[in-house]
PDB file of all heavy atoms in Angstrom:
ATOM      1  N   ALA A   1     -16.991   5.649  -4.477  1.00  0.00           N
ATOM      2  CA  ALA A   1     -18.261   5.578  -3.753  1.00  0.00           C
ATOM      3  C   ALA A   1     -18.462   4.199  -3.136  1.00  0.00           C
ATOM      4  O   ALA A   1     -18.915   4.068  -2.004  1.00  0.00           O
ATOM      5  CB  ALA A   1     -19.413   5.927  -4.686  1.00  0.00           C
ATOM      6  N   GLY A   2     -18.098   3.155  -3.870  1.00  0.00           N
ATOM      7  CA  GLY A   2     -18.249   1.793  -3.357  1.00  0.00           C
ATOM      8  C   GLY A   2     -17.009   1.279  -2.665  1.00  0.00           C
ATOM      9  O   GLY A   2     -16.940   0.111  -2.292  1.00  0.00           O
ATOM     10  N   GLY A   3     -16.000   2.114  -2.494  1.00  0.00           N
ATOM     11  CA  GLY A   3     -14.738   1.702  -1.870  1.00  0.00           C
ATOM     12  C   GLY A   3     -13.687   1.444  -2.926  1.00  0.00           C
ATOM     13  O   GLY A   3     -13.979   1.230  -4.093  1.00  0.00           O
ATOM     14  N   ASN A   4     -12.449   1.474  -2.536  1.00  0.00           N
ATOM     15  CA  ASN A   4     -11.338   1.221  -3.433  1.00  0.00           C
ATOM     16  C   ASN A   4     -11.086  -0.278  -3.467  1.00  0.00           C
ATOM     17  O   ASN A   4     -10.802  -0.887  -2.438  1.00  0.00           O
ATOM     18  CB  ASN A   4     -10.101   1.985  -2.948  1.00  0.00           C
ATOM     19  CG  ASN A   4      -8.923   1.794  -3.857  1.00  0.00           C
ATOM     20  OD1 ASN A   4      -8.357   0.710  -3.939  1.00  0.00           O
ATOM     21  ND2 ASN A   4      -8.553   2.859  -4.548  1.00  0.00           N
ATOM     22  N   VAL A   5     -11.155  -0.883  -4.651  1.00  0.00           N
ATOM     23  CA  VAL A   5     -11.047  -2.338  -4.788  1.00  0.00           C
ATOM     24  C   VAL A   5      -9.690  -2.843  -4.301  1.00  0.00           C
ATOM     25  O   VAL A   5      -9.617  -3.827  -3.567  1.00  0.00           O
ATOM     26  CB  VAL A   5     -11.320  -2.761  -6.249  1.00  0.00           C
ATOM     27  CG1 VAL A   5     -11.115  -4.247  -6.429  1.00  0.00           C
ATOM     28  CG2 VAL A   5     -12.735  -2.372  -6.662  1.00  0.00           C
ATOM     29  N   MET A   6      -8.607  -2.175  -4.704  1.00  0.00           N
ATOM     30  CA  MET A   6      -7.285  -2.654  -4.296  1.00  0.00           C
ATOM     31  C   MET A   6      -7.097  -2.533  -2.786  1.00  0.00           C
ATOM     32  O   MET A   6      -6.572  -3.443  -2.145  1.00  0.00           O
ATOM     33  CB  MET A   6      -6.166  -1.895  -5.012  1.00  0.00           C
ATOM     34  CG  MET A   6      -4.780  -2.438  -4.646  1.00  0.00           C
ATOM     35  SD  MET A   6      -3.403  -1.596  -5.441  1.00  0.00           S
ATOM     36  CE  MET A   6      -3.398  -0.040  -4.560  1.00  0.00           C
ATOM     37  N   LEU A   7      -7.520  -1.416  -2.200  1.00  0.00           N
ATOM     38  CA  LEU A   7      -7.363  -1.252  -0.753  1.00  0.00           C
ATOM     39  C   LEU A   7      -8.207  -2.261   0.016  1.00  0.00           C
ATOM     40  O   LEU A   7      -7.762  -2.801   1.033  1.00  0.00           O
ATOM     41  CB  LEU A   7      -7.701   0.176  -0.346  1.00  0.00           C
ATOM     42  CG  LEU A   7      -6.756   1.259  -0.871  1.00  0.00           C
ATOM     43  CD1 LEU A   7      -7.231   2.636  -0.428  1.00  0.00           C
ATOM     44  CD2 LEU A   7      -5.315   1.012  -0.442  1.00  0.00           C
ATOM     45  N   SER A   8      -9.401  -2.552  -0.474  1.00  0.00           N
ATOM     46  CA  SER A   8     -10.242  -3.582   0.167  1.00  0.00           C
ATOM     47  C   SER A   8      -9.581  -4.943   0.059  1.00  0.00           C
ATOM     48  O   SER A   8      -9.548  -5.718   1.027  1.00  0.00           O
ATOM     49  CB  SER A   8     -11.627  -3.619  -0.476  1.00  0.00           C
ATOM     50  OG  SER A   8     -12.280  -2.396  -0.288  1.00  0.00           O
ATOM     51  N   TRP A   9      -9.069  -5.256  -1.119  1.00  0.00           N
ATOM     52  CA  TRP A   9      -8.362  -6.524  -1.332  1.00  0.00           C
ATOM     53  C   TRP A   9      -7.175  -6.629  -0.387  1.00  0.00           C
ATOM     54  O   TRP A   9      -6.955  -7.650   0.253  1.00  0.00           O
ATOM     55  CB  TRP A   9      -7.911  -6.606  -2.795  1.00  0.00           C
ATOM     56  CG  TRP A   9      -6.951  -7.706  -3.080  1.00  0.00           C
ATOM     57  CD1 TRP A   9      -7.247  -9.004  -3.382  1.00  0.00           C
ATOM     58  CD2 TRP A   9      -5.517  -7.625  -3.081  1.00  0.00           C
ATOM     59  NE1 TRP A   9      -6.096  -9.723  -3.570  1.00  0.00           N
ATOM     60  CE2 TRP A   9      -5.025  -8.895  -3.394  1.00  0.00           C
ATOM     61  CE3 TRP A   9      -4.616  -6.584  -2.853  1.00  0.00           C
ATOM     62  CZ2 TRP A   9      -3.660  -9.160  -3.484  1.00  0.00           C
ATOM     63  CZ3 TRP A   9      -3.263  -6.847  -2.937  1.00  0.00           C
ATOM     64  CH2 TRP A   9      -2.796  -8.124  -3.250  1.00  0.00           C
ATOM     65  N   LEU A  10      -6.372  -5.542  -0.285  1.00  0.00           N
ATOM     66  CA  LEU A  10      -5.190  -5.550   0.564  1.00  0.00           C
ATOM     67  C   LEU A  10      -5.557  -5.752   2.028  1.00  0.00           C
ATOM     68  O   LEU A  10      -4.924  -6.550   2.730  1.00  0.00           O
ATOM     69  CB  LEU A  10      -4.397  -4.256   0.390  1.00  0.00           C
ATOM     70  CG  LEU A  10      -3.151  -4.117   1.264  1.00  0.00           C
ATOM     71  CD1 LEU A  10      -2.150  -5.235   0.969  1.00  0.00           C
ATOM     72  CD2 LEU A  10      -2.518  -2.741   1.064  1.00  0.00           C
ATOM     73  N   ALA A  11      -6.578  -5.062   2.498  1.00  0.00           N
ATOM     74  CA  ALA A  11      -7.006  -5.215   3.897  1.00  0.00           C
ATOM     75  C   ALA A  11      -7.368  -6.665   4.191  1.00  0.00           C
ATOM     76  O   ALA A  11      -6.964  -7.222   5.224  1.00  0.00           O
ATOM     77  CB  ALA A  11      -8.189  -4.292   4.186  1.00  0.00           C
ATOM     78  N   GLU A  12      -8.085  -7.292   3.278  1.00  0.00           N
ATOM     79  CA  GLU A  12      -8.478  -8.696   3.473  1.00  0.00           C
ATOM     80  C   GLU A  12      -7.264  -9.619   3.421  1.00  0.00           C
ATOM     81  O   GLU A  12      -7.125 -10.534   4.250  1.00  0.00           O
ATOM     82  CB  GLU A  12      -9.501  -9.109   2.420  1.00  0.00           C
ATOM     83  CG  GLU A  12     -10.020 -10.509   2.631  1.00  0.00           C
ATOM     84  CD  GLU A  12     -11.126 -10.867   1.654  1.00  0.00           C
ATOM     85  OE1 GLU A  12     -11.820  -9.960   1.153  1.00  0.00           O
ATOM     86  OE2 GLU A  12     -11.297 -12.078   1.402  1.00  0.00           O
ATOM     87  N   GLU A  13      -6.382  -9.406   2.457  1.00  0.00           N
ATOM     88  CA  GLU A  13      -5.177 -10.244   2.341  1.00  0.00           C
ATOM     89  C   GLU A  13      -4.289 -10.127   3.580  1.00  0.00           C
ATOM     90  O   GLU A  13      -3.759 -11.119   4.069  1.00  0.00           O
ATOM     91  CB  GLU A  13      -4.384  -9.871   1.081  1.00  0.00           C
ATOM     92  CG  GLU A  13      -5.044 -10.280  -0.210  1.00  0.00           C
ATOM     93  CD  GLU A  13      -5.063 -11.783  -0.431  1.00  0.00           C
ATOM     94  OE1 GLU A  13      -4.136 -12.486   0.035  1.00  0.00           O
ATOM     95  OE2 GLU A  13      -6.006 -12.252  -1.084  1.00  0.00           O
ATOM     96  N   LEU A  14      -4.114  -8.906   4.076  1.00  0.00           N
ATOM     97  CA  LEU A  14      -3.296  -8.716   5.273  1.00  0.00           C
ATOM     98  C   LEU A  14      -3.938  -9.359   6.494  1.00  0.00           C
ATOM     99  O   LEU A  14      -3.251  -9.961   7.323  1.00  0.00           O
ATOM    100  CB  LEU A  14      -3.045  -7.224   5.522  1.00  0.00           C
ATOM    101  CG  LEU A  14      -2.083  -6.551   4.545  1.00  0.00           C
ATOM    102  CD1 LEU A  14      -2.094  -5.041   4.747  1.00  0.00           C
ATOM    103  CD2 LEU A  14      -0.671  -7.095   4.695  1.00  0.00           C
ATOM    104  N   GLN A  15      -5.244  -9.248   6.607  1.00  0.00           N
ATOM    105  CA  GLN A  15      -5.953  -9.869   7.737  1.00  0.00           C
ATOM    106  C   GLN A  15      -5.809 -11.388   7.706  1.00  0.00           C
ATOM    107  O   GLN A  15      -5.665 -12.017   8.746  1.00  0.00           O
ATOM    108  CB  GLN A  15      -7.424  -9.490   7.709  1.00  0.00           C
ATOM    109  CG  GLN A  15      -8.209 -10.078   8.868  1.00  0.00           C
ATOM    110  CD  GLN A  15      -9.646  -9.595   8.872  1.00  0.00           C
ATOM    111  OE1 GLN A  15      -9.971  -8.557   8.318  1.00  0.00           O
ATOM    112  NE2 GLN A  15     -10.508 -10.356   9.512  1.00  0.00           N
ATOM    113  N   ASN A  16      -5.808 -11.969   6.523  1.00  0.00           N
ATOM    114  CA  ASN A  16      -5.743 -13.425   6.383  1.00  0.00           C
ATOM    115  C   ASN A  16      -4.321 -13.967   6.302  1.00  0.00           C
ATOM    116  O   ASN A  16      -4.129 -15.180   6.289  1.00  0.00           O
ATOM    117  CB  ASN A  16      -6.530 -13.873   5.150  1.00  0.00           C
ATOM    118  CG  ASN A  16      -8.012 -13.603   5.305  1.00  0.00           C
ATOM    119  OD1 ASN A  16      -8.546 -13.611   6.409  1.00  0.00           O
ATOM    120  ND2 ASN A  16      -8.678 -13.329   4.196  1.00  0.00           N
ATOM    121  N   SER A  17      -3.331 -13.093   6.238  1.00  0.00           N
ATOM    122  CA  SER A  17      -1.954 -13.543   6.079  1.00  0.00           C
ATOM    123  C   SER A  17      -1.413 -14.133   7.377  1.00  0.00           C
ATOM    124  O   SER A  17      -1.501 -13.525   8.438  1.00  0.00           O
ATOM    125  CB  SER A  17      -1.064 -12.376   5.660  1.00  0.00           C
ATOM    126  OG  SER A  17       0.292 -12.792   5.613  1.00  0.00           O
ATOM    127  N   ALA A  18      -0.834 -15.319   7.257  1.00  0.00           N
ATOM    128  CA  ALA A  18      -0.175 -15.956   8.394  1.00  0.00           C
ATOM    129  C   ALA A  18       1.338 -15.910   8.228  1.00  0.00           C
ATOM    130  O   ALA A  18       2.066 -16.526   9.009  1.00  0.00           O
ATOM    131  CB  ALA A  18      -0.650 -17.401   8.521  1.00  0.00           C
ATOM    132  N   ALA A  19       1.824 -15.192   7.230  1.00  0.00           N
ATOM    133  CA  ALA A  19       3.258 -15.122   6.962  1.00  0.00           C
ATOM    134  C   ALA A  19       3.984 -14.412   8.094  1.00  0.00           C
ATOM    135  O   ALA A  19       3.489 -13.425   8.632  1.00  0.00           O
ATOM    136  CB  ALA A  19       3.513 -14.394   5.644  1.00  0.00           C
ATOM    137  N   PHE A  20       5.162 -14.910   8.432  1.00  0.00           N
ATOM    138  CA  PHE A  20       5.978 -14.267   9.456  1.00  0.00           C
ATOM    139  C   PHE A  20       6.490 -12.924   8.943  1.00  0.00           C
ATOM    140  O   PHE A  20       6.489 -11.935   9.655  1.00  0.00           O
ATOM    141  CB  PHE A  20       7.141 -15.176   9.857  1.00  0.00           C
ATOM    142  CG  PHE A  20       7.932 -14.648  11.017  1.00  0.00           C
ATOM    143  CD1 PHE A  20       7.490 -14.839  12.312  1.00  0.00           C
ATOM    144  CD2 PHE A  20       9.104 -13.938  10.812  1.00  0.00           C
ATOM    145  CE1 PHE A  20       8.209 -14.337  13.396  1.00  0.00           C
ATOM    146  CE2 PHE A  20       9.829 -13.433  11.879  1.00  0.00           C
ATOM    147  CZ  PHE A  20       9.385 -13.631  13.171  1.00  0.00           C
ATOM    148  N   TRP A  21       6.963 -12.903   7.686  1.00  0.00           N
ATOM    149  CA  TRP A  21       7.454 -11.679   7.057  1.00  0.00           C
ATOM    150  C   TRP A  21       6.474 -11.227   6.001  1.00  0.00           C
ATOM    151  O   TRP A  21       6.075 -11.999   5.135  1.00  0.00           O
ATOM    152  CB  TRP A  21       8.823 -11.901   6.407  1.00  0.00           C
ATOM    153  CG  TRP A  21       9.895 -12.068   7.417  1.00  0.00           C
ATOM    154  CD1 TRP A  21      10.550 -13.217   7.744  1.00  0.00           C
ATOM    155  CD2 TRP A  21      10.436 -11.048   8.262  1.00  0.00           C
ATOM    156  NE1 TRP A  21      11.458 -12.978   8.734  1.00  0.00           N
ATOM    157  CE2 TRP A  21      11.416 -11.649   9.067  1.00  0.00           C
ATOM    158  CE3 TRP A  21      10.191  -9.686   8.415  1.00  0.00           C
ATOM    159  CZ2 TRP A  21      12.151 -10.946  10.009  1.00  0.00           C
ATOM    160  CZ3 TRP A  21      10.918  -8.982   9.348  1.00  0.00           C
ATOM    161  CH2 TRP A  21      11.883  -9.612  10.136  1.00  0.00           C
ATOM    162  N   ARG A  22       6.108  -9.954   6.049  1.00  0.00           N
ATOM    163  CA  ARG A  22       5.211  -9.361   5.060  1.00  0.00           C
ATOM    164  C   ARG A  22       5.876  -8.099   4.526  1.00  0.00           C
ATOM    165  O   ARG A  22       6.200  -7.197   5.298  1.00  0.00           O
ATOM    166  CB  ARG A  22       3.853  -9.061   5.683  1.00  0.00           C
ATOM    167  CG  ARG A  22       3.245 -10.343   6.234  1.00  0.00           C
ATOM    168  CD  ARG A  22       1.883 -10.219   6.786  1.00  0.00           C
ATOM    169  NE  ARG A  22       1.706  -9.203   7.783  1.00  0.00           N
ATOM    170  CZ  ARG A  22       0.512  -8.867   8.266  1.00  0.00           C
ATOM    171  NH1 ARG A  22      -0.571  -9.467   7.833  1.00  0.00           N
ATOM    172  NH2 ARG A  22       0.406  -7.931   9.193  1.00  0.00           N
ATOM    173  N   ILE A  23       6.063  -8.086   3.215  1.00  0.00           N
ATOM    174  CA  ILE A  23       6.721  -6.961   2.553  1.00  0.00           C
ATOM    175  C   ILE A  23       5.803  -6.442   1.459  1.00  0.00           C
ATOM    176  O   ILE A  23       5.289  -7.221   0.659  1.00  0.00           O
ATOM    177  CB  ILE A  23       8.082  -7.380   1.951  1.00  0.00           C
ATOM    178  CG1 ILE A  23       9.030  -7.861   3.051  1.00  0.00           C
ATOM    179  CG2 ILE A  23       8.697  -6.240   1.154  1.00  0.00           C
ATOM    180  CD1 ILE A  23      10.344  -8.424   2.535  1.00  0.00           C
ATOM    181  N   ALA A  24       5.622  -5.135   1.423  1.00  0.00           N
ATOM    182  CA  ALA A  24       4.846  -4.514   0.350  1.00  0.00           C
ATOM    183  C   ALA A  24       5.816  -3.841  -0.618  1.00  0.00           C
ATOM    184  O   ALA A  24       6.829  -3.279  -0.203  1.00  0.00           O
ATOM    185  CB  ALA A  24       3.871  -3.483   0.910  1.00  0.00           C
ATOM    186  N   ILE A  25       5.489  -3.927  -1.914  1.00  0.00           N
ATOM    187  CA  ILE A  25       6.288  -3.264  -2.937  1.00  0.00           C
ATOM    188  C   ILE A  25       5.357  -2.458  -3.834  1.00  0.00           C
ATOM    189  O   ILE A  25       4.279  -2.915  -4.195  1.00  0.00           O
ATOM    190  CB  ILE A  25       7.137  -4.259  -3.762  1.00  0.00           C
ATOM    191  CG1 ILE A  25       6.256  -5.308  -4.453  1.00  0.00           C
ATOM    192  CG2 ILE A  25       8.174  -4.945  -2.900  1.00  0.00           C
ATOM    193  CD1 ILE A  25       7.005  -6.231  -5.384  1.00  0.00           C
ATOM    194  N   PHE A  26       5.755  -1.238  -4.130  1.00  0.00           N
ATOM    195  CA  PHE A  26       5.009  -0.394  -5.052  1.00  0.00           C
ATOM    196  C   PHE A  26       5.904   0.758  -5.485  1.00  0.00           C
ATOM    197  O   PHE A  26       7.035   0.877  -5.011  1.00  0.00           O
ATOM    198  CB  PHE A  26       3.676   0.095  -4.464  1.00  0.00           C
ATOM    199  CG  PHE A  26       3.751   0.665  -3.080  1.00  0.00           C
ATOM    200  CD1 PHE A  26       4.018   2.010  -2.865  1.00  0.00           C
ATOM    201  CD2 PHE A  26       3.544  -0.148  -1.975  1.00  0.00           C
ATOM    202  CE1 PHE A  26       4.078   2.536  -1.581  1.00  0.00           C
ATOM    203  CE2 PHE A  26       3.589   0.363  -0.687  1.00  0.00           C
ATOM    204  CZ  PHE A  26       3.862   1.717  -0.491  1.00  0.00           C
ATOM    205  N   HIS A  27       5.418   1.606  -6.360  1.00  0.00           N
ATOM    206  CA  HIS A  27       6.270   2.594  -7.006  1.00  0.00           C
ATOM    207  C   HIS A  27       6.543   3.865  -6.186  1.00  0.00           C
ATOM    208  O   HIS A  27       7.677   4.305  -6.077  1.00  0.00           O
ATOM    209  CB  HIS A  27       5.668   2.985  -8.360  1.00  0.00           C
ATOM    210  CG  HIS A  27       6.590   3.787  -9.213  1.00  0.00           C
ATOM    211  ND1 HIS A  27       7.743   3.265  -9.759  1.00  0.00           N
ATOM    212  CD2 HIS A  27       6.544   5.080  -9.597  1.00  0.00           C
ATOM    213  CE1 HIS A  27       8.365   4.194 -10.436  1.00  0.00           C
ATOM    214  NE2 HIS A  27       7.662   5.318 -10.373  1.00  0.00           N
ATOM    215  N   HIS A  28       5.539   4.483  -5.621  1.00  0.00           N
ATOM    216  CA  HIS A  28       5.676   5.824  -5.033  1.00  0.00           C
ATOM    217  C   HIS A  28       5.960   5.781  -3.531  1.00  0.00           C
ATOM    218  O   HIS A  28       5.150   5.270  -2.767  1.00  0.00           O
ATOM    219  CB  HIS A  28       4.392   6.630  -5.273  1.00  0.00           C
ATOM    220  CG  HIS A  28       4.087   6.804  -6.714  1.00  0.00           C
ATOM    221  ND1 HIS A  28       3.310   5.904  -7.414  1.00  0.00           N
ATOM    222  CD2 HIS A  28       4.457   7.757  -7.595  1.00  0.00           C
ATOM    223  CE1 HIS A  28       3.214   6.300  -8.668  1.00  0.00           C
ATOM    224  NE2 HIS A  28       3.898   7.423  -8.809  1.00  0.00           N
ATOM    225  N   PRO A  29       7.082   6.359  -3.067  1.00  0.00           N
ATOM    226  CA  PRO A  29       7.375   6.361  -1.632  1.00  0.00           C
ATOM    227  C   PRO A  29       6.496   7.378  -0.898  1.00  0.00           C
ATOM    228  O   PRO A  29       6.341   8.510  -1.364  1.00  0.00           O
ATOM    229  CB  PRO A  29       8.848   6.785  -1.571  1.00  0.00           C
ATOM    230  CG  PRO A  29       9.052   7.604  -2.801  1.00  0.00           C
ATOM    231  CD  PRO A  29       8.126   7.032  -3.843  1.00  0.00           C
ATOM    232  N   PRO A  30       5.923   7.006   0.236  1.00  0.00           N
ATOM    233  CA  PRO A  30       5.066   7.956   0.948  1.00  0.00           C
ATOM    234  C   PRO A  30       5.846   9.065   1.647  1.00  0.00           C
ATOM    235  O   PRO A  30       5.320  10.155   1.839  1.00  0.00           O
ATOM    236  CB  PRO A  30       4.328   7.093   1.961  1.00  0.00           C
ATOM    237  CG  PRO A  30       5.202   5.908   2.165  1.00  0.00           C
ATOM    238  CD  PRO A  30       5.919   5.688   0.868  1.00  0.00           C
ATOM    239  N   TYR A  31       7.081   8.783   2.046  1.00  0.00           N
ATOM    240  CA  TYR A  31       7.862   9.761   2.801  1.00  0.00           C
ATOM    241  C   TYR A  31       9.157  10.044   2.051  1.00  0.00           C
ATOM    242  O   TYR A  31      10.057   9.213   2.015  1.00  0.00           O
ATOM    243  CB  TYR A  31       8.158   9.248   4.211  1.00  0.00           C
ATOM    244  CG  TYR A  31       6.906   8.819   4.928  1.00  0.00           C
ATOM    245  CD1 TYR A  31       6.612   7.477   5.145  1.00  0.00           C
ATOM    246  CD2 TYR A  31       5.978   9.772   5.356  1.00  0.00           C
ATOM    247  CE1 TYR A  31       5.441   7.098   5.786  1.00  0.00           C
ATOM    248  CE2 TYR A  31       4.807   9.398   5.992  1.00  0.00           C
ATOM    249  CZ  TYR A  31       4.546   8.055   6.192  1.00  0.00           C
ATOM    250  OH  TYR A  31       3.388   7.688   6.814  1.00  0.00           O
ATOM    251  N   THR A  32       9.252  11.207   1.441  1.00  0.00           N
ATOM    252  CA  THR A  32      10.433  11.586   0.684  1.00  0.00           C
ATOM    253  C   THR A  32      10.539  13.107   0.654  1.00  0.00           C
ATOM    254  O   THR A  32       9.530  13.799   0.687  1.00  0.00           O
ATOM    255  CB  THR A  32      10.388  11.026  -0.751  1.00  0.00           C
ATOM    256  OG1 THR A  32      11.582  11.399  -1.438  1.00  0.00           O
ATOM    257  CG2 THR A  32       9.183  11.521  -1.527  1.00  0.00           C
ATOM    258  N   ALA A  33      11.756  13.583   0.601  1.00  0.00           N
ATOM    259  CA  ALA A  33      11.979  15.015   0.403  1.00  0.00           C
ATOM    260  C   ALA A  33      12.594  15.231  -0.972  1.00  0.00           C
ATOM    261  O   ALA A  33      13.069  16.307  -1.277  1.00  0.00           O
ATOM    262  CB  ALA A  33      12.892  15.567   1.486  1.00  0.00           C
ATOM    263  N   GLY A  34      12.593  14.180  -1.787  1.00  0.00           N
ATOM    264  CA  GLY A  34      13.221  14.237  -3.095  1.00  0.00           C
ATOM    265  C   GLY A  34      12.393  14.981  -4.133  1.00  0.00           C
ATOM    266  O   GLY A  34      11.428  15.685  -3.824  1.00  0.00           O
ATOM    267  N   LYS A  35      12.776  14.794  -5.365  1.00  0.00           N
ATOM    268  CA  LYS A  35      12.188  15.477  -6.513  1.00  0.00           C
ATOM    269  C   LYS A  35      10.670  15.312  -6.584  1.00  0.00           C
ATOM    270  O   LYS A  35       9.957  16.194  -7.026  1.00  0.00           O
ATOM    271  CB  LYS A  35      12.852  14.944  -7.781  1.00  0.00           C
ATOM    272  CG  LYS A  35      12.390  15.553  -9.064  1.00  0.00           C
ATOM    273  CD  LYS A  35      13.173  14.977 -10.237  1.00  0.00           C
ATOM    274  CE  LYS A  35      12.675  15.573 -11.533  1.00  0.00           C
ATOM    275  NZ  LYS A  35      13.441  15.055 -12.676  1.00  0.00           N
ATOM    276  N   HIS A  36      10.166  14.156  -6.133  1.00  0.00           N
ATOM    277  CA  HIS A  36       8.737  13.851  -6.258  1.00  0.00           C
ATOM    278  C   HIS A  36       7.936  14.084  -4.976  1.00  0.00           C
ATOM    279  O   HIS A  36       6.816  13.604  -4.849  1.00  0.00           O
ATOM    280  CB  HIS A  36       8.557  12.403  -6.722  1.00  0.00           C
ATOM    281  CG  HIS A  36       9.095  12.169  -8.093  1.00  0.00           C
ATOM    282  ND1 HIS A  36       8.520  12.704  -9.214  1.00  0.00           N
ATOM    283  CD2 HIS A  36      10.166  11.465  -8.512  1.00  0.00           C
ATOM    284  CE1 HIS A  36       9.207  12.332 -10.282  1.00  0.00           C
ATOM    285  NE2 HIS A  36      10.211  11.589  -9.883  1.00  0.00           N
ATOM    286  N   LYS A  37       8.480  14.827  -4.028  1.00  0.00           N
ATOM    287  CA  LYS A  37       7.799  15.010  -2.738  1.00  0.00           C
ATOM    288  C   LYS A  37       6.398  15.602  -2.870  1.00  0.00           C
ATOM    289  O   LYS A  37       5.519  15.339  -2.064  1.00  0.00           O
ATOM    290  CB  LYS A  37       8.646  15.832  -1.783  1.00  0.00           C
ATOM    291  CG  LYS A  37       8.770  17.285  -2.170  1.00  0.00           C
ATOM    292  CD  LYS A  37       9.563  18.071  -1.146  1.00  0.00           C
ATOM    293  CE  LYS A  37       9.594  19.511  -1.522  1.00  0.00           C
ATOM    294  NZ  LYS A  37      10.852  20.036  -1.884  1.00  0.00           N
ATOM    295  N   ASP A  38       6.166  16.413  -3.898  1.00  0.00           N
ATOM    296  CA  ASP A  38       4.855  17.046  -4.082  1.00  0.00           C
ATOM    297  C   ASP A  38       3.999  16.338  -5.132  1.00  0.00           C
ATOM    298  O   ASP A  38       2.941  16.842  -5.510  1.00  0.00           O
ATOM    299  CB  ASP A  38       5.038  18.521  -4.474  1.00  0.00           C
ATOM    300  CG  ASP A  38       5.716  19.312  -3.363  1.00  0.00           C
ATOM    301  OD1 ASP A  38       5.405  19.063  -2.184  1.00  0.00           O
ATOM    302  OD2 ASP A  38       6.572  20.166  -3.678  1.00  0.00           O
ATOM    303  N   ASP A  39       4.437  15.176  -5.577  1.00  0.00           N
ATOM    304  CA  ASP A  39       3.693  14.388  -6.558  1.00  0.00           C
ATOM    305  C   ASP A  39       2.355  13.967  -5.952  1.00  0.00           C
ATOM    306  O   ASP A  39       2.306  13.496  -4.810  1.00  0.00           O
ATOM    307  CB  ASP A  39       4.533  13.149  -6.915  1.00  0.00           C
ATOM    308  CG  ASP A  39       3.918  12.281  -7.985  1.00  0.00           C
ATOM    309  OD1 ASP A  39       2.720  11.945  -7.866  1.00  0.00           O
ATOM    310  OD2 ASP A  39       4.639  11.905  -8.919  1.00  0.00           O
ATOM    311  N   PRO A  40       1.239  14.115  -6.663  1.00  0.00           N
ATOM    312  CA  PRO A  40      -0.061  13.726  -6.098  1.00  0.00           C
ATOM    313  C   PRO A  40      -0.162  12.232  -5.777  1.00  0.00           C
ATOM    314  O   PRO A  40      -0.849  11.849  -4.838  1.00  0.00           O
ATOM    315  CB  PRO A  40      -1.075  14.142  -7.166  1.00  0.00           C
ATOM    316  CG  PRO A  40      -0.302  14.467  -8.382  1.00  0.00           C
ATOM    317  CD  PRO A  40       1.104  14.732  -7.986  1.00  0.00           C
TER     318      PRO A  40
END
């Protein structure tokens, strides 16, 4: 209801980033046809 804290944090960090290279790392791939394609 009040927004997602991590997504708000990420939006602000990305807006303020002056880095030439920006890489995100996390566990679940958004685009896959593998075993976990239907994972919520």
